[in-house]
PDB file of all heavy atoms in Angstrom:
ATOM      1  N   LYS A   1     115.607 127.946  71.993  1.00  0.00           N
ATOM      2  CA  LYS A   1     116.405 127.763  70.772  1.00  0.00           C
ATOM      3  C   LYS A   1     117.892 127.540  71.099  1.00  0.00           C
ATOM      4  O   LYS A   1     118.614 127.003  70.220  1.00  0.00           O
ATOM      5  CB  LYS A   1     116.275 128.997  69.844  1.00  0.00           C
ATOM      6  CG  LYS A   1     114.845 129.303  69.382  1.00  0.00           C
ATOM      7  CD  LYS A   1     114.872 130.618  68.581  1.00  0.00           C
ATOM      8  CE  LYS A   1     113.490 131.047  68.184  1.00  0.00           C
ATOM      9  NZ  LYS A   1     113.488 132.376  67.486  1.00  0.00           N
ATOM     10  N   HIS A   2     118.276 127.923  72.284  1.00  0.00           N
ATOM     11  CA  HIS A   2     119.710 127.901  72.623  1.00  0.00           C
ATOM     12  C   HIS A   2     119.981 126.918  73.725  1.00  0.00           C
ATOM     13  O   HIS A   2     121.163 126.397  73.799  1.00  0.00           O
ATOM     14  CB  HIS A   2     120.107 129.287  73.061  1.00  0.00           C
ATOM     15  CG  HIS A   2     119.774 130.332  72.046  1.00  0.00           C
ATOM     16  ND1 HIS A   2     120.487 130.578  70.903  1.00  0.00           N
ATOM     17  CD2 HIS A   2     118.727 131.230  72.024  1.00  0.00           C
ATOM     18  CE1 HIS A   2     119.967 131.555  70.207  1.00  0.00           C
ATOM     19  NE2 HIS A   2     118.850 131.985  70.883  1.00  0.00           N
ATOM     20  N   LEU A   3     119.094 126.617  74.656  1.00  0.00           N
ATOM     21  CA  LEU A   3     119.346 125.705  75.781  1.00  0.00           C
ATOM     22  C   LEU A   3     118.065 124.896  76.028  1.00  0.00           C
ATOM     23  O   LEU A   3     116.932 125.390  75.793  1.00  0.00           O
ATOM     24  CB  LEU A   3     119.698 126.525  77.006  1.00  0.00           C
ATOM     25  CG  LEU A   3     121.099 127.040  77.131  1.00  0.00           C
ATOM     26  CD1 LEU A   3     121.178 127.965  78.376  1.00  0.00           C
ATOM     27  CD2 LEU A   3     122.137 125.935  77.218  1.00  0.00           C
ATOM     28  N   PRO A   4     118.216 123.702  76.548  1.00  0.00           N
ATOM     29  CA  PRO A   4     117.060 122.945  77.021  1.00  0.00           C
ATOM     30  C   PRO A   4     116.372 123.711  78.153  1.00  0.00           C
ATOM     31  O   PRO A   4     117.064 124.464  78.884  1.00  0.00           O
ATOM     32  CB  PRO A   4     117.649 121.630  77.567  1.00  0.00           C
ATOM     33  CG  PRO A   4     118.950 121.492  76.843  1.00  0.00           C
ATOM     34  CD  PRO A   4     119.456 122.877  76.615  1.00  0.00           C
ATOM     35  N   LEU A   5     115.056 123.531  78.334  1.00  0.00           N
ATOM     36  CA  LEU A   5     114.335 124.322  79.322  1.00  0.00           C
ATOM     37  C   LEU A   5     113.933 123.542  80.512  1.00  0.00           C
ATOM     38  O   LEU A   5     113.521 122.344  80.361  1.00  0.00           O
ATOM     39  CB  LEU A   5     113.108 124.931  78.627  1.00  0.00           C
ATOM     40  CG  LEU A   5     113.309 125.883  77.535  1.00  0.00           C
ATOM     41  CD1 LEU A   5     111.997 126.255  76.913  1.00  0.00           C
ATOM     42  CD2 LEU A   5     114.025 127.143  77.998  1.00  0.00           C
ATOM     43  N   MET A   6     113.990 124.088  81.681  1.00  0.00           N
ATOM     44  CA  MET A   6     113.327 123.524  82.841  1.00  0.00           C
ATOM     45  C   MET A   6     111.951 124.209  82.890  1.00  0.00           C
ATOM     46  O   MET A   6     111.850 125.407  82.936  1.00  0.00           O
ATOM     47  CB  MET A   6     114.120 123.846  84.096  1.00  0.00           C
ATOM     48  CG  MET A   6     113.388 123.351  85.395  1.00  0.00           C
ATOM     49  SD  MET A   6     114.242 123.819  86.883  1.00  0.00           S
ATOM     50  CE  MET A   6     113.091 123.137  88.122  1.00  0.00           C
ATOM     51  N   LEU A   7     110.915 123.338  82.979  1.00  0.00           N
ATOM     52  CA  LEU A   7     109.543 123.911  82.904  1.00  0.00           C
ATOM     53  C   LEU A   7     108.750 123.578  84.135  1.00  0.00           C
ATOM     54  O   LEU A   7     107.550 123.908  84.212  1.00  0.00           O
ATOM     55  CB  LEU A   7     108.818 123.306  81.673  1.00  0.00           C
ATOM     56  CG  LEU A   7     109.460 123.643  80.318  1.00  0.00           C
ATOM     57  CD1 LEU A   7     108.707 122.889  79.242  1.00  0.00           C
ATOM     58  CD2 LEU A   7     109.400 125.137  80.071  1.00  0.00           C
ATOM     59  N   HIS A   8     109.343 122.960  85.181  1.00  0.00           N
ATOM     60  CA  HIS A   8     108.588 122.566  86.357  1.00  0.00           C
ATOM     61  C   HIS A   8     109.106 123.247  87.642  1.00  0.00           C
ATOM     62  O   HIS A   8     108.965 122.694  88.753  1.00  0.00           O
ATOM     63  CB  HIS A   8     108.571 121.064  86.496  1.00  0.00           C
ATOM     64  CG  HIS A   8     109.956 120.416  86.722  1.00  0.00           C
ATOM     65  ND1 HIS A   8     110.818 120.265  85.611  1.00  0.00           N
ATOM     66  CD2 HIS A   8     110.610 119.989  87.799  1.00  0.00           C
ATOM     67  CE1 HIS A   8     111.919 119.679  86.059  1.00  0.00           C
ATOM     68  NE2 HIS A   8     111.841 119.497  87.358  1.00  0.00           N
ATOM     69  N   CYS A   9     109.747 124.363  87.497  1.00  0.00           N
ATOM     70  CA  CYS A   9     110.274 125.101  88.647  1.00  0.00           C
ATOM     71  C   CYS A   9     109.206 125.450  89.681  1.00  0.00           C
ATOM     72  O   CYS A   9     108.099 125.973  89.300  1.00  0.00           O
ATOM     73  CB  CYS A   9     111.008 126.368  88.234  1.00  0.00           C
ATOM     74  SG  CYS A   9     111.654 127.379  89.567  1.00  0.00           S
ATOM     75  N   ALA A  10     109.492 125.282  90.927  1.00  0.00           N
ATOM     76  CA  ALA A  10     108.500 125.524  91.995  1.00  0.00           C
ATOM     77  C   ALA A  10     108.840 126.831  92.728  1.00  0.00           C
ATOM     78  O   ALA A  10     108.206 127.152  93.735  1.00  0.00           O
ATOM     79  CB  ALA A  10     108.406 124.363  92.997  1.00  0.00           C
ATOM     80  N   ARG A  11     109.831 127.616  92.259  1.00  0.00           N
ATOM     81  CA  ARG A  11     110.274 128.828  92.953  1.00  0.00           C
ATOM     82  C   ARG A  11     110.370 128.587  94.504  1.00  0.00           C
ATOM     83  O   ARG A  11     109.692 129.241  95.290  1.00  0.00           O
ATOM     84  CB  ARG A  11     109.280 129.976  92.676  1.00  0.00           C
ATOM     85  CG  ARG A  11     109.280 130.379  91.237  1.00  0.00           C
ATOM     86  CD  ARG A  11     108.671 131.790  90.990  1.00  0.00           C
ATOM     87  NE  ARG A  11     107.223 131.826  91.122  1.00  0.00           N
ATOM     88  CZ  ARG A  11     106.431 132.663  90.542  1.00  0.00           C
ATOM     89  NH1 ARG A  11     106.958 133.572  89.737  1.00  0.00           N
ATOM     90  NH2 ARG A  11     105.129 132.669  90.722  1.00  0.00           N
ATOM     91  N   CYS A  12     111.319 127.769  94.787  1.00  0.00           N
ATOM     92  CA  CYS A  12     111.406 127.232  96.198  1.00  0.00           C
ATOM     93  C   CYS A  12     111.887 128.258  97.178  1.00  0.00           C
ATOM     94  O   CYS A  12     112.738 129.142  96.888  1.00  0.00           O
ATOM     95  CB  CYS A  12     112.325 126.050  96.216  1.00  0.00           C
ATOM     96  SG  CYS A  12     111.780 124.602  95.243  1.00  0.00           S
ATOM     97  N   ARG A  13     111.446 128.105  98.425  1.00  0.00           N
ATOM     98  CA  ARG A  13     111.928 128.904  99.539  1.00  0.00           C
ATOM     99  C   ARG A  13     113.361 128.445  99.874  1.00  0.00           C
ATOM    100  O   ARG A  13     113.847 127.378  99.475  1.00  0.00           O
ATOM    101  CB  ARG A  13     111.025 128.649 100.760  1.00  0.00           C
ATOM    102  CG  ARG A  13     109.624 129.170 100.644  1.00  0.00           C
ATOM    103  CD  ARG A  13     108.692 128.577 101.732  1.00  0.00           C
ATOM    104  NE  ARG A  13     109.292 128.694 103.085  1.00  0.00           N
ATOM    105  CZ  ARG A  13     108.933 129.594 103.951  1.00  0.00           C
ATOM    106  NH1 ARG A  13     107.947 130.492 103.678  1.00  0.00           N
ATOM    107  NH2 ARG A  13     109.439 129.640 105.187  1.00  0.00           N
ATOM    108  N   ALA A  14     114.004 129.250 100.677  1.00  0.00           N
ATOM    109  CA  ALA A  14     115.378 128.891 101.161  1.00  0.00           C
ATOM    110  C   ALA A  14     115.363 127.818 102.175  1.00  0.00           C
ATOM    111  O   ALA A  14     116.409 127.244 102.480  1.00  0.00           O
ATOM    112  CB  ALA A  14     116.034 130.126 101.740  1.00  0.00           C
ATOM    113  N   ASP A  15     114.183 127.391 102.700  1.00  0.00           N
ATOM    114  CA  ASP A  15     114.070 126.289 103.632  1.00  0.00           C
ATOM    115  C   ASP A  15     113.171 125.170 103.081  1.00  0.00           C
ATOM    116  O   ASP A  15     112.658 124.358 103.882  1.00  0.00           O
ATOM    117  CB  ASP A  15     113.626 126.728 105.009  1.00  0.00           C
ATOM    118  CG  ASP A  15     112.229 127.389 104.943  1.00  0.00           C
ATOM    119  OD1 ASP A  15     111.601 127.463 103.863  1.00  0.00           O
ATOM    120  OD2 ASP A  15     111.731 127.907 105.961  1.00  0.00           O
ATOM    121  N   ALA A  16     113.050 125.120 101.761  1.00  0.00           N
ATOM    122  CA  ALA A  16     112.147 124.105 101.166  1.00  0.00           C
ATOM    123  C   ALA A  16     112.577 122.724 101.481  1.00  0.00           C
ATOM    124  O   ALA A  16     113.843 122.410 101.625  1.00  0.00           O
ATOM    125  CB  ALA A  16     112.118 124.314  99.657  1.00  0.00           C
ATOM    126  N   VAL A  17     111.648 121.791 101.597  1.00  0.00           N
ATOM    127  CA  VAL A  17     111.957 120.403 101.913  1.00  0.00           C
ATOM    128  C   VAL A  17     110.886 119.539 101.320  1.00  0.00           C
ATOM    129  O   VAL A  17     109.696 119.921 101.293  1.00  0.00           O
ATOM    130  CB  VAL A  17     112.112 120.217 103.456  1.00  0.00           C
ATOM    131  CG1 VAL A  17     110.803 120.462 104.201  1.00  0.00           C
ATOM    132  CG2 VAL A  17     112.574 118.767 103.748  1.00  0.00           C
ATOM    133  N   GLY A  18     111.212 118.368 100.844  1.00  0.00           N
ATOM    134  CA  GLY A  18     110.308 117.384 100.341  1.00  0.00           C
ATOM    135  C   GLY A  18     110.188 117.475  98.808  1.00  0.00           C
ATOM    136  O   GLY A  18     111.102 117.942  98.159  1.00  0.00           O
ATOM    137  N   LEU A  19     109.061 116.974  98.271  1.00  0.00           N
ATOM    138  CA  LEU A  19     108.860 117.044  96.873  1.00  0.00           C
ATOM    139  C   LEU A  19     108.641 118.460  96.338  1.00  0.00           C
ATOM    140  O   LEU A  19     108.144 119.317  97.135  1.00  0.00           O
ATOM    141  CB  LEU A  19     107.623 116.132  96.455  1.00  0.00           C
ATOM    142  CG  LEU A  19     107.700 114.665  96.867  1.00  0.00           C
ATOM    143  CD1 LEU A  19     106.439 113.912  96.492  1.00  0.00           C
ATOM    144  CD2 LEU A  19     108.876 113.992  96.172  1.00  0.00           C
ATOM    145  N   LEU A  20     108.954 118.701  95.078  1.00  0.00           N
ATOM    146  CA  LEU A  20     108.743 120.043  94.548  1.00  0.00           C
ATOM    147  C   LEU A  20     107.231 120.387  94.677  1.00  0.00           C
ATOM    148  O   LEU A  20     106.362 119.599  94.314  1.00  0.00           O
ATOM    149  CB  LEU A  20     109.159 120.054  93.068  1.00  0.00           C
ATOM    150  CG  LEU A  20     110.642 119.861  92.764  1.00  0.00           C
ATOM    151  CD1 LEU A  20     110.871 120.101  91.280  1.00  0.00           C
ATOM    152  CD2 LEU A  20     111.480 120.815  93.580  1.00  0.00           C
ATOM    153  N   GLY A  21     106.973 121.607  95.105  1.00  0.00           N
ATOM    154  CA  GLY A  21     105.604 122.060  95.236  1.00  0.00           C
ATOM    155  C   GLY A  21     104.896 121.632  96.505  1.00  0.00           C
ATOM    156  O   GLY A  21     103.753 122.033  96.723  1.00  0.00           O
ATOM    157  N   GLN A  22     105.588 120.843  97.273  1.00  0.00           N
ATOM    158  CA  GLN A  22     104.976 120.347  98.554  1.00  0.00           C
ATOM    159  C   GLN A  22     105.278 121.278  99.697  1.00  0.00           C
ATOM    160  O   GLN A  22     106.372 121.745  99.884  1.00  0.00           O
ATOM    161  CB  GLN A  22     105.591 118.968  98.858  1.00  0.00           C
ATOM    162  CG  GLN A  22     105.084 118.313 100.139  1.00  0.00           C
ATOM    163  CD  GLN A  22     105.846 117.035 100.434  1.00  0.00           C
ATOM    164  OE1 GLN A  22     107.047 116.978 100.666  1.00  0.00           O
ATOM    165  NE2 GLN A  22     105.098 115.916 100.422  1.00  0.00           N
ATOM    166  N   ALA A  23     104.233 121.614 100.419  1.00  0.00           N
ATOM    167  CA  ALA A  23     104.405 122.528 101.606  1.00  0.00           C
ATOM    168  C   ALA A  23     105.178 121.799 102.672  1.00  0.00           C
ATOM    169  O   ALA A  23     105.085 120.606 102.816  1.00  0.00           O
ATOM    170  CB  ALA A  23     103.058 122.982 102.125  1.00  0.00           C
ATOM    171  N   MET A  24     105.934 122.575 103.451  1.00  0.00           N
ATOM    172  CA  MET A  24     106.697 121.923 104.532  1.00  0.00           C
ATOM    173  C   MET A  24     105.695 121.438 105.620  1.00  0.00           C
ATOM    174  O   MET A  24     104.903 122.184 106.134  1.00  0.00           O
ATOM    175  CB  MET A  24     107.634 122.970 105.162  1.00  0.00           C
ATOM    176  CG  MET A  24     108.462 122.380 106.316  1.00  0.00           C
ATOM    177  SD  MET A  24     109.500 123.587 107.173  1.00  0.00           S
ATOM    178  CE  MET A  24     110.678 124.015 105.943  1.00  0.00           C
TER     179      MET A  24
END
């Protein structure tokens, strides 16, 4: 109701790389 929402968060690691949700 107050802000647009991000709905595709992948809860990424601190060393994430590549497309969202893709394993290193």
